[in-house]
Amino acid sequence: MRMAAKVSEIEAMRYQGGSKRQKSSRKGYQFLNIGRLTKRNLAENKKKSTITIVSMAVTGIFVMMVATVLSCANPMESAKSSIVGGQYEISPIVESGNKEHPEYEWAEVQKNNPLNEGLKQQIEELDGVERVDVFTALKVSGGPFEEKIGTEFINGVPEEYAEELKKGITEGNVTYEELKSGGDKVILDRALLHWYPDIKVGDKLKLNIHDGDNTFQKEIEVAAIGEYGTGLTNYNCLIMAKEGGAEKLTINNSSSYFQVIADKDYDEALEASLQAIVDGSGRLQMRTWKNEYDTWENAIQMTRGACYAFIIILAAISIMNLINTMINSVHVRKKELGMMQAIGMSDRQLMKMLQLEGIFYTVGTLIISIGVGSLAGYPLFLYAKRTGMFDISTYHYPVTAAIIIILTLFVIQMLLAIFIAKSVRKDSLIERIRFSE
């Protein structure tokens, strides 16, 4: 706008296109067909064609990458990852630094933990309950956690989840029997490496174990590194065997939560019974699989809507670029196309030539966007899984997004070719031949 404002009206009216035209060097053919004519037209506008394809392909790559994350963000899987193995999770109310309720401090909770054997038996007697799995937690500080003293916990996992622990190991090797034999080995959840990247398999961490009012030092070896859902870790990235491991290091009740395994994903009567127990205690809280599913579904839908709205805007800009390129290409060749039709090119052949040009842009865009986007989407999935984004755990290829991109581009280029052909035919053959840029 600033450049245009500097040009006066008189200068603009007197301008006759003073730039020198370079001599065109065109490859000749003894026999000319639609394919060769299309190839020559595209070759003369290599820069414009490349920019159009690249701009559309970049948008396509971005769409595929975002679609990969969104397709992997499954509310069903996220809910199962949040509450592993069961349908209900009951835990004591724990708050740090609450001066009005000092009894919510973990050290105080350990002394009189509501998650006791009596509560476990009471829950197991309810109709619909198959079993109750008990997880424990040990508060630790020192070692690599000096900057966040007391904010890390060792998660004691019961033997029922030994196979899941084994499957999640990505570095090193340790069995559940080894974990519970001495209480000096842990599996480190890879999520912790985001804050402490220097920790590796074989490292021995000198940690302070906080057990109620007691504190003692213990050397813990990182026996393996794994990837686990938050339902298994409860956001505690140091994992130890509950039996014989975590239980050996504490004299207080360190039960952190009960996983209630029911025979149904949602049982209204059972949930009401559990809620009555929780409300009656006044010191407990409960998460349910259904609530987690509803929460994840709403969050993912809102995120998906916002992302796709932004993507649609980018796609519209890229498509306008394609439309502008094709229309401008035909406009500057209007006289040439009129002469071609004067010597025998039919309207059908003109339509075919425009379709071939559109197909060239479409196929070029699809090869780059779908190919590169698919390859770039998988590392993004791994990053989302590693950082716990949406509790993603399983890779799902965005088939729907790929199909939509393919169909959208082909439909648009076909409609665009039809529109341009009709627009060209509005002028008579004489008017097209007389056309001057």
Protein backbone atom coordinates (compact mmCIF):
# COMPACT_ATOMS: atom_id res chain seq x y z
CA MET A 1 0.00 0.00 0.00
CA ARG A 2 2.86 2.36 0.79
CA MET A 3 4.52 1.61 -2.55
CA ALA A 4 1.28 2.11 -4.46
CA ALA A 5 0.57 5.40 -2.68
CA LYS A 6 3.84 6.85 -3.99
CA VAL A 7 2.66 6.44 -7.61
CA SER A 8 0.60 9.40 -8.82
CA GLU A 9 -2.58 8.96 -10.84
CA ILE A 10 -0.96 10.50 -14.00
CA GLU A 11 2.04 8.14 -13.76
CA ALA A 12 -0.24 5.18 -13.36
CA MET A 13 -2.34 6.13 -16.41
CA ARG A 14 0.76 6.75 -18.56
CA TYR A 15 2.35 3.43 -17.58
CA GLN A 16 2.52 1.10 -20.57
CA GLY A 17 4.47 -1.79 -19.05
CA GLY A 18 8.01 -0.64 -19.66
CA SER A 19 9.71 -3.77 -18.41
CA LYS A 20 11.69 -5.62 -21.04
CA ARG A 21 10.46 -9.04 -21.91
CA GLN A 22 12.92 -11.82 -22.08
CA LYS A 23 13.06 -13.76 -25.26
CA SER A 24 11.01 -16.90 -24.88
CA SER A 25 12.75 -20.15 -25.72
CA ARG A 26 10.11 -22.81 -26.24
CA LYS A 27 10.69 -26.41 -27.08
CA GLY A 28 8.92 -27.30 -30.29
CA TYR A 29 7.01 -30.47 -31.18
CA GLN A 30 6.20 -31.93 -34.58
CA PHE A 31 2.95 -33.25 -33.17
CA LEU A 32 1.14 -31.27 -30.46
CA ASN A 33 -1.34 -32.88 -28.09
CA ILE A 34 -3.05 -31.79 -24.87
CA GLY A 35 -0.45 -33.43 -22.63
CA ARG A 36 2.47 -31.68 -24.33
CA LEU A 37 0.64 -28.37 -24.32
CA THR A 38 -0.07 -28.69 -20.60
CA LYS A 39 3.56 -29.61 -19.91
CA ARG A 40 4.79 -26.55 -21.82
CA ASN A 41 2.41 -24.21 -19.98
CA LEU A 42 3.55 -25.49 -16.59
CA ALA A 43 7.22 -25.40 -17.55
CA GLU A 44 6.96 -21.71 -18.46
CA ASN A 45 5.68 -20.93 -14.95
CA LYS A 46 7.97 -23.13 -12.87
CA LYS A 47 8.42 -20.63 -10.07
CA LYS A 48 4.72 -19.88 -9.72
CA SER A 49 3.81 -23.57 -9.90
CA THR A 50 6.41 -24.47 -7.28
CA ILE A 51 5.27 -21.74 -4.90
CA THR A 52 1.64 -22.81 -5.28
CA ILE A 53 2.39 -26.48 -4.60
CA VAL A 54 4.73 -25.76 -1.68
CA SER A 55 2.31 -23.34 0.00
CA MET A 56 -0.55 -25.83 -0.26
CA ALA A 57 1.68 -28.73 0.78
CA VAL A 58 2.87 -26.91 3.91
CA THR A 59 -0.74 -26.48 4.97
CA GLY A 60 -1.41 -30.14 4.17
CA ILE A 61 1.57 -31.24 6.27
CA PHE A 62 0.35 -29.14 9.17
CA VAL A 63 -3.15 -30.62 8.83
CA MET A 64 -1.79 -34.18 8.87
CA MET A 65 0.39 -33.52 11.92
CA VAL A 66 -2.45 -31.96 13.90
CA ALA A 67 -4.85 -34.67 12.74
CA THR A 68 -2.41 -37.36 13.91
CA VAL A 69 -2.41 -36.00 17.46
CA LEU A 70 -6.19 -35.52 17.46
CA SER A 71 -6.83 -39.02 16.09
CA CYS A 72 -4.60 -40.47 18.82
CA ALA A 73 -6.45 -38.45 21.47
CA ASN A 74 -9.17 -41.01 22.08
CA PRO A 75 -11.39 -40.24 25.13
CA MET A 76 -11.93 -43.97 25.73
CA GLU A 77 -8.21 -44.69 25.81
CA SER A 78 -7.45 -41.54 27.80
CA ALA A 79 -10.00 -42.52 30.46
CA LYS A 80 -8.55 -46.03 30.69
CA SER A 81 -5.08 -44.57 30.99
CA SER A 82 -6.24 -42.18 33.74
CA ILE A 83 -7.84 -44.94 35.79
CA VAL A 84 -5.92 -48.09 34.95
CA GLY A 85 -7.56 -51.46 35.38
CA GLY A 86 -10.62 -50.29 37.30
CA GLN A 87 -13.72 -48.16 37.13
CA TYR A 88 -13.35 -46.24 40.40
CA GLU A 89 -10.41 -44.68 42.23
CA ILE A 90 -10.69 -43.74 45.91
CA SER A 91 -7.95 -41.73 47.57
CA PRO A 92 -7.45 -39.65 50.72
CA ILE A 93 -7.65 -35.87 50.47
CA VAL A 94 -4.04 -34.65 50.40
CA GLU A 95 -3.08 -30.98 50.28
CA SER A 96 0.29 -29.39 50.90
CA GLY A 97 0.55 -26.04 52.66
CA ASN A 98 -3.12 -25.80 53.69
CA LYS A 99 -2.87 -23.97 57.04
CA GLU A 100 -6.59 -24.38 57.75
CA HIS A 101 -6.34 -28.16 57.39
CA PRO A 102 -2.87 -29.33 58.41
CA GLU A 103 -4.30 -32.84 58.69
CA TYR A 104 -4.30 -32.94 54.86
CA GLU A 105 -0.49 -32.99 54.76
CA TRP A 106 0.75 -36.36 53.50
CA ALA A 107 2.82 -36.91 56.66
CA GLU A 108 -0.33 -36.53 58.80
CA VAL A 109 -2.44 -38.67 56.45
CA GLN A 110 0.05 -41.51 56.82
CA LYS A 111 -0.43 -41.56 60.59
CA ASN A 112 -4.19 -42.10 60.33
CA ASN A 113 -4.83 -43.15 56.76
CA PRO A 114 -8.53 -43.69 55.92
CA LEU A 115 -7.45 -46.21 53.26
CA ASN A 116 -7.20 -49.06 55.74
CA GLU A 117 -7.98 -52.75 55.66
CA GLY A 118 -11.46 -52.20 57.09
CA LEU A 119 -12.40 -49.83 54.25
CA LYS A 120 -11.01 -52.28 51.71
CA GLN A 121 -13.14 -55.12 53.05
CA GLN A 122 -16.21 -52.87 53.15
CA ILE A 123 -15.78 -52.00 49.46
CA GLU A 124 -15.10 -55.60 48.42
CA GLU A 125 -18.41 -56.66 49.95
CA LEU A 126 -20.41 -54.34 47.68
CA ASP A 127 -22.35 -55.92 44.81
CA GLY A 128 -20.53 -55.55 41.49
CA VAL A 129 -17.03 -55.24 42.98
CA GLU A 130 -14.56 -57.88 41.82
CA ARG A 131 -11.52 -56.76 43.80
CA VAL A 132 -9.70 -53.75 45.24
CA ASP A 133 -6.05 -53.07 44.33
CA VAL A 134 -4.03 -50.98 46.77
CA PHE A 135 -1.31 -48.57 45.57
CA THR A 136 1.14 -46.89 47.95
CA ALA A 137 3.25 -43.73 47.85
CA LEU A 138 6.54 -42.73 49.50
CA LYS A 139 7.52 -39.07 49.64
CA VAL A 140 11.17 -38.51 48.70
CA SER A 141 13.63 -35.63 48.41
CA GLY A 142 17.34 -35.11 47.89
CA GLY A 143 19.50 -36.49 45.12
CA PRO A 144 18.46 -35.04 41.75
CA PHE A 145 15.30 -33.58 43.31
CA GLU A 146 17.01 -30.89 45.40
CA GLU A 147 15.23 -28.13 43.46
CA LYS A 148 11.83 -29.65 44.25
CA ILE A 149 12.38 -30.94 47.77
CA GLY A 150 9.67 -33.33 48.82
CA THR A 151 7.62 -33.00 45.64
CA GLU A 152 8.50 -36.41 44.19
CA PHE A 153 6.95 -39.70 45.24
CA ILE A 154 7.77 -43.37 44.79
CA ASN A 155 4.68 -45.20 43.58
CA GLY A 156 4.22 -48.67 45.04
CA VAL A 157 2.50 -50.85 42.42
CA PRO A 158 0.78 -54.13 43.47
CA GLU A 159 1.71 -57.45 41.87
CA GLU A 160 -1.49 -57.55 39.80
CA TYR A 161 0.15 -55.01 37.48
CA ALA A 162 3.51 -56.78 37.16
CA GLU A 163 2.91 -57.70 33.53
CA GLU A 164 1.94 -54.13 32.65
CA LEU A 165 5.12 -52.85 34.28
CA LYS A 166 7.17 -55.29 32.23
CA LYS A 167 5.48 -54.32 28.94
CA GLY A 168 6.13 -50.62 29.52
CA ILE A 169 9.91 -50.95 29.95
CA THR A 170 11.85 -49.26 27.14
CA GLU A 171 15.37 -49.23 28.61
CA GLY A 172 17.03 -51.68 30.95
CA ASN A 173 15.43 -54.82 32.34
CA VAL A 174 14.01 -55.72 35.73
CA THR A 175 11.40 -58.20 36.96
CA TYR A 176 8.75 -57.62 39.59
CA GLU A 177 10.48 -60.18 41.83
CA GLU A 178 13.68 -58.15 41.68
CA LEU A 179 11.76 -54.96 42.49
CA LYS A 180 10.20 -56.40 45.61
CA SER A 181 13.20 -58.42 46.82
CA GLY A 182 15.20 -55.62 48.46
CA GLY A 183 13.24 -52.42 48.05
CA ASP A 184 16.23 -50.66 46.50
CA LYS A 185 15.32 -50.69 42.79
CA VAL A 186 12.86 -48.54 40.87
CA ILE A 187 11.53 -48.13 37.34
CA LEU A 188 11.63 -44.53 36.19
CA ASP A 189 8.71 -43.28 34.12
CA ARG A 190 10.11 -41.54 31.04
CA ALA A 191 7.95 -38.46 31.75
CA LEU A 192 10.35 -37.56 34.57
CA LEU A 193 13.20 -37.20 32.07
CA HIS A 194 11.53 -34.03 30.79
CA TRP A 195 12.62 -32.30 34.03
CA TYR A 196 15.63 -34.47 34.88
CA PRO A 197 17.17 -35.53 31.55
CA ASP A 198 20.50 -36.59 33.11
CA ILE A 199 19.06 -39.60 34.95
CA LYS A 200 19.82 -42.91 33.20
CA VAL A 201 19.59 -46.66 33.80
CA GLY A 202 22.07 -47.82 36.44
CA ASP A 203 22.20 -44.53 38.31
CA LYS A 204 22.06 -44.79 42.09
CA LEU A 205 20.05 -42.04 43.74
CA LYS A 206 20.63 -41.15 47.39
CA LEU A 207 17.15 -40.16 48.46
CA ASN A 208 15.57 -39.03 51.70
CA ILE A 209 12.49 -41.16 52.47
CA HIS A 210 9.81 -39.29 54.41
CA ASP A 211 7.63 -41.64 56.48
CA GLY A 212 5.29 -39.63 58.65
CA ASP A 213 7.49 -37.68 61.05
CA ASN A 214 10.49 -39.90 60.31
CA THR A 215 13.10 -39.29 57.60
CA PHE A 216 15.92 -41.60 56.60
CA GLN A 217 18.31 -41.93 53.68
CA LYS A 218 18.14 -44.76 51.16
CA GLU A 219 20.15 -45.47 48.03
CA ILE A 220 17.83 -46.38 45.16
CA GLU A 221 19.01 -47.81 41.84
CA VAL A 222 17.29 -46.91 38.56
CA ALA A 223 16.90 -50.45 37.19
CA ALA A 224 14.87 -49.53 34.10
CA ILE A 225 13.04 -46.74 32.29
CA GLY A 226 9.51 -47.18 30.95
CA GLU A 227 6.44 -45.43 29.56
CA TYR A 228 3.20 -45.68 31.56
CA GLY A 229 -0.19 -44.05 31.80
CA THR A 230 -1.05 -41.69 34.62
CA GLY A 231 -3.50 -44.22 36.03
CA LEU A 232 -0.63 -46.58 36.83
CA THR A 233 1.81 -43.92 38.06
CA ASN A 234 -0.66 -41.44 39.61
CA TYR A 235 1.86 -38.83 38.37
CA ASN A 236 4.55 -40.41 40.57
CA CYS A 237 7.38 -41.16 38.18
CA LEU A 238 9.45 -43.47 40.40
CA ILE A 239 7.86 -46.93 40.44
CA MET A 240 8.57 -49.66 42.98
CA ALA A 241 6.95 -52.96 43.90
CA LYS A 242 4.37 -52.53 46.64
CA GLU A 243 4.86 -56.02 48.08
CA GLY A 244 8.20 -56.31 49.80
CA GLY A 245 9.47 -53.09 48.22
CA ALA A 246 7.63 -49.95 49.24
CA GLU A 247 6.10 -51.70 52.27
CA LYS A 248 9.59 -52.41 53.65
CA LEU A 249 10.53 -48.74 53.68
CA THR A 250 7.67 -47.43 55.83
CA ILE A 251 6.12 -48.18 59.20
CA ASN A 252 3.05 -46.00 58.56
CA ASN A 253 0.09 -46.61 56.26
CA SER A 254 1.28 -45.31 52.88
CA SER A 255 -1.77 -46.37 50.84
CA SER A 256 -2.29 -43.64 48.26
CA TYR A 257 -5.37 -44.90 46.40
CA PHE A 258 -7.67 -47.88 45.93
CA GLN A 259 -8.37 -49.10 42.42
CA VAL A 260 -11.86 -50.59 42.55
CA ILE A 261 -12.31 -53.22 39.86
CA ALA A 262 -15.99 -53.65 38.98
CA ASP A 263 -17.78 -55.99 36.60
CA LYS A 264 -19.23 -53.02 34.64
CA ASP A 265 -17.72 -49.81 33.33
CA TYR A 266 -20.66 -47.91 34.78
CA ASP A 267 -22.94 -49.19 37.53
CA GLU A 268 -25.19 -46.47 38.94
CA ALA A 269 -26.03 -48.40 42.13
CA LEU A 270 -22.40 -49.27 42.86
CA GLU A 271 -21.26 -45.70 42.22
CA ALA A 272 -23.91 -44.42 44.63
CA SER A 273 -22.75 -46.88 47.31
CA LEU A 274 -19.11 -45.85 46.88
CA GLN A 275 -20.03 -42.17 46.92
CA ALA A 276 -21.93 -42.70 50.19
CA ILE A 277 -18.80 -44.25 51.73
CA VAL A 278 -16.65 -41.36 50.50
CA ASP A 279 -19.10 -38.70 51.73
CA GLY A 280 -19.48 -40.44 55.09
CA SER A 281 -15.75 -40.38 55.69
CA GLY A 282 -15.18 -36.71 54.97
CA ARG A 283 -11.50 -37.46 54.27
CA LEU A 284 -11.85 -39.31 50.98
CA GLN A 285 -12.36 -38.37 47.33
CA MET A 286 -13.34 -40.46 44.33
CA ARG A 287 -12.72 -40.43 40.59
CA THR A 288 -14.81 -42.56 38.27
CA TRP A 289 -14.08 -43.95 34.84
CA LYS A 290 -17.28 -42.39 33.46
CA ASN A 291 -16.44 -38.92 34.78
CA GLU A 292 -12.94 -39.18 33.36
CA TYR A 293 -14.37 -40.27 30.00
CA ASP A 294 -16.84 -37.36 29.93
CA THR A 295 -14.09 -34.90 30.90
CA TRP A 296 -11.70 -36.16 28.23
CA GLU A 297 -14.43 -36.23 25.58
CA ASN A 298 -15.40 -32.60 26.23
CA ALA A 299 -11.79 -31.44 26.36
CA ILE A 300 -10.81 -33.27 23.17
CA GLN A 301 -13.90 -32.05 21.31
CA MET A 302 -13.18 -28.43 22.24
CA THR A 303 -9.53 -28.79 21.24
CA ARG A 304 -10.46 -30.54 18.00
CA GLY A 305 -12.96 -27.81 17.12
CA ALA A 306 -10.46 -25.00 17.76
CA CYS A 307 -7.68 -26.75 15.81
CA TYR A 308 -9.83 -27.58 12.79
CA ALA A 309 -11.28 -24.05 12.70
CA PHE A 310 -7.74 -22.69 12.45
CA ILE A 311 -6.82 -25.33 9.87
CA ILE A 312 -9.85 -24.43 7.72
CA ILE A 313 -8.66 -20.82 7.62
CA LEU A 314 -5.18 -21.91 6.49
CA ALA A 315 -6.67 -24.30 3.94
CA ALA A 316 -8.92 -21.55 2.54
CA ILE A 317 -5.88 -19.30 2.04
CA SER A 318 -4.00 -22.08 0.23
CA ILE A 319 -6.98 -22.92 -1.95
CA MET A 320 -7.36 -19.24 -2.88
CA ASN A 321 -3.71 -19.32 -3.92
CA LEU A 322 -4.48 -22.27 -6.24
CA ILE A 323 -7.53 -20.50 -7.66
CA ASN A 324 -5.55 -17.31 -8.24
CA THR A 325 -2.71 -19.20 -9.93
CA MET A 326 -4.98 -21.06 -12.36
CA ILE A 327 -7.18 -18.07 -13.18
CA ASN A 328 -4.18 -15.83 -13.73
CA SER A 329 -2.54 -18.50 -15.88
CA VAL A 330 -5.57 -18.67 -18.15
CA HIS A 331 -6.03 -14.88 -18.18
CA VAL A 332 -2.51 -14.15 -19.47
CA ARG A 333 -2.93 -16.91 -22.08
CA LYS A 334 -6.39 -15.86 -23.24
CA LYS A 335 -5.13 -14.70 -26.66
CA GLU A 336 -3.01 -17.82 -27.08
CA LEU A 337 -5.93 -20.09 -26.14
CA GLY A 338 -8.15 -18.21 -28.60
CA MET A 339 -5.63 -18.82 -31.38
CA MET A 340 -5.34 -22.50 -30.41
CA GLN A 341 -9.11 -22.84 -30.66
CA ALA A 342 -9.07 -20.99 -33.96
CA ILE A 343 -6.82 -23.67 -35.47
CA GLY A 344 -8.83 -26.57 -34.13
CA MET A 345 -8.73 -26.97 -30.33
CA SER A 346 -12.22 -27.95 -29.17
CA ASP A 347 -13.93 -26.83 -25.97
CA ARG A 348 -13.59 -30.38 -24.68
CA GLN A 349 -9.83 -30.32 -25.27
CA LEU A 350 -9.59 -26.94 -23.54
CA MET A 351 -11.44 -28.40 -20.55
CA LYS A 352 -9.12 -31.41 -20.51
CA MET A 353 -6.03 -29.18 -20.59
CA LEU A 354 -7.28 -27.13 -17.63
CA GLN A 355 -8.08 -30.32 -15.72
CA LEU A 356 -4.59 -31.67 -16.35
CA GLU A 357 -3.07 -28.46 -15.00
CA GLY A 358 -5.27 -28.72 -11.90
CA ILE A 359 -4.39 -32.38 -11.45
CA PHE A 360 -0.69 -31.49 -11.57
CA TYR A 361 -1.12 -29.05 -8.67
CA THR A 362 -3.36 -31.48 -6.80
CA VAL A 363 -1.14 -34.55 -7.15
CA GLY A 364 2.01 -32.57 -6.35
CA THR A 365 0.37 -31.17 -3.22
CA LEU A 366 -0.95 -34.57 -2.11
CA ILE A 367 2.38 -36.36 -2.53
CA ILE A 368 4.15 -33.83 -0.33
CA SER A 369 1.42 -33.15 2.22
CA ILE A 370 0.24 -36.74 2.77
CA GLY A 371 3.72 -38.26 2.49
CA VAL A 372 5.67 -35.79 4.58
CA GLY A 373 2.71 -35.14 6.90
CA SER A 374 2.37 -38.85 7.68
CA LEU A 375 6.09 -39.17 8.41
CA ALA A 376 6.16 -36.02 10.54
CA GLY A 377 3.03 -37.02 12.44
CA TYR A 378 4.56 -40.11 14.06
CA PRO A 379 7.40 -38.27 15.90
CA LEU A 380 4.77 -35.77 17.06
CA PHE A 381 2.72 -38.70 18.43
CA LEU A 382 5.80 -40.00 20.28
CA TYR A 383 6.36 -36.54 21.77
CA ALA A 384 2.70 -36.31 22.85
CA LYS A 385 2.91 -39.78 24.40
CA ARG A 386 6.15 -38.97 26.20
CA THR A 387 4.87 -35.69 27.65
CA GLY A 388 1.45 -37.10 28.58
CA MET A 389 -0.54 -34.89 26.19
CA PHE A 390 -4.20 -36.01 26.37
CA ASP A 391 -2.89 -39.20 28.02
CA ILE A 392 -2.16 -40.48 24.51
CA SER A 393 -0.89 -44.05 24.49
CA THR A 394 -1.72 -45.64 21.10
CA TYR A 395 -0.90 -44.48 17.56
CA HIS A 396 -3.81 -44.08 15.15
CA TYR A 397 -3.17 -43.00 11.57
CA PRO A 398 -5.48 -40.09 10.60
CA VAL A 399 -7.21 -41.91 7.73
CA THR A 400 -10.24 -39.61 7.79
CA ALA A 401 -8.11 -36.46 7.51
CA ALA A 402 -6.11 -37.93 4.62
CA ILE A 403 -9.29 -38.89 2.71
CA ILE A 404 -10.82 -35.44 3.31
CA ILE A 405 -7.68 -33.71 1.98
CA ILE A 406 -7.62 -35.91 -1.13
CA LEU A 407 -11.32 -35.52 -1.92
CA THR A 408 -11.33 -31.76 -1.20
CA LEU A 409 -8.43 -31.02 -3.53
CA PHE A 410 -9.76 -33.14 -6.39
CA VAL A 411 -13.28 -31.71 -6.11
CA ILE A 412 -11.97 -28.13 -5.96
CA GLN A 413 -9.69 -28.53 -8.98
CA MET A 414 -12.50 -30.14 -11.03
CA LEU A 415 -14.97 -27.36 -10.15
CA LEU A 416 -12.29 -24.75 -10.79
CA ALA A 417 -11.52 -26.18 -14.24
CA ILE A 418 -15.21 -26.13 -15.14
CA PHE A 419 -15.61 -22.54 -13.90
CA ILE A 420 -12.55 -21.28 -15.78
CA ALA A 421 -13.57 -23.04 -19.00
CA LYS A 422 -17.03 -21.47 -18.85
CA SER A 423 -15.50 -18.08 -18.10
CA VAL A 424 -13.23 -18.34 -21.16
CA ARG A 425 -16.11 -19.39 -23.42
CA LYS A 426 -18.11 -16.31 -22.47
CA ASP A 427 -15.95 -14.26 -24.83
CA SER A 428 -16.23 -14.87 -28.54
CA LEU A 429 -13.27 -16.38 -30.40
CA ILE A 430 -12.55 -13.02 -32.10
CA GLU A 431 -12.52 -11.20 -28.74
CA ARG A 432 -10.08 -13.75 -27.32
CA ILE A 433 -7.74 -13.44 -30.29
CA ARG A 434 -7.84 -9.65 -30.08
CA PHE A 435 -7.16 -9.77 -26.30
CA SER A 436 -4.13 -7.73 -25.22
CA GLU A 437 -2.57 -7.94 -21.74
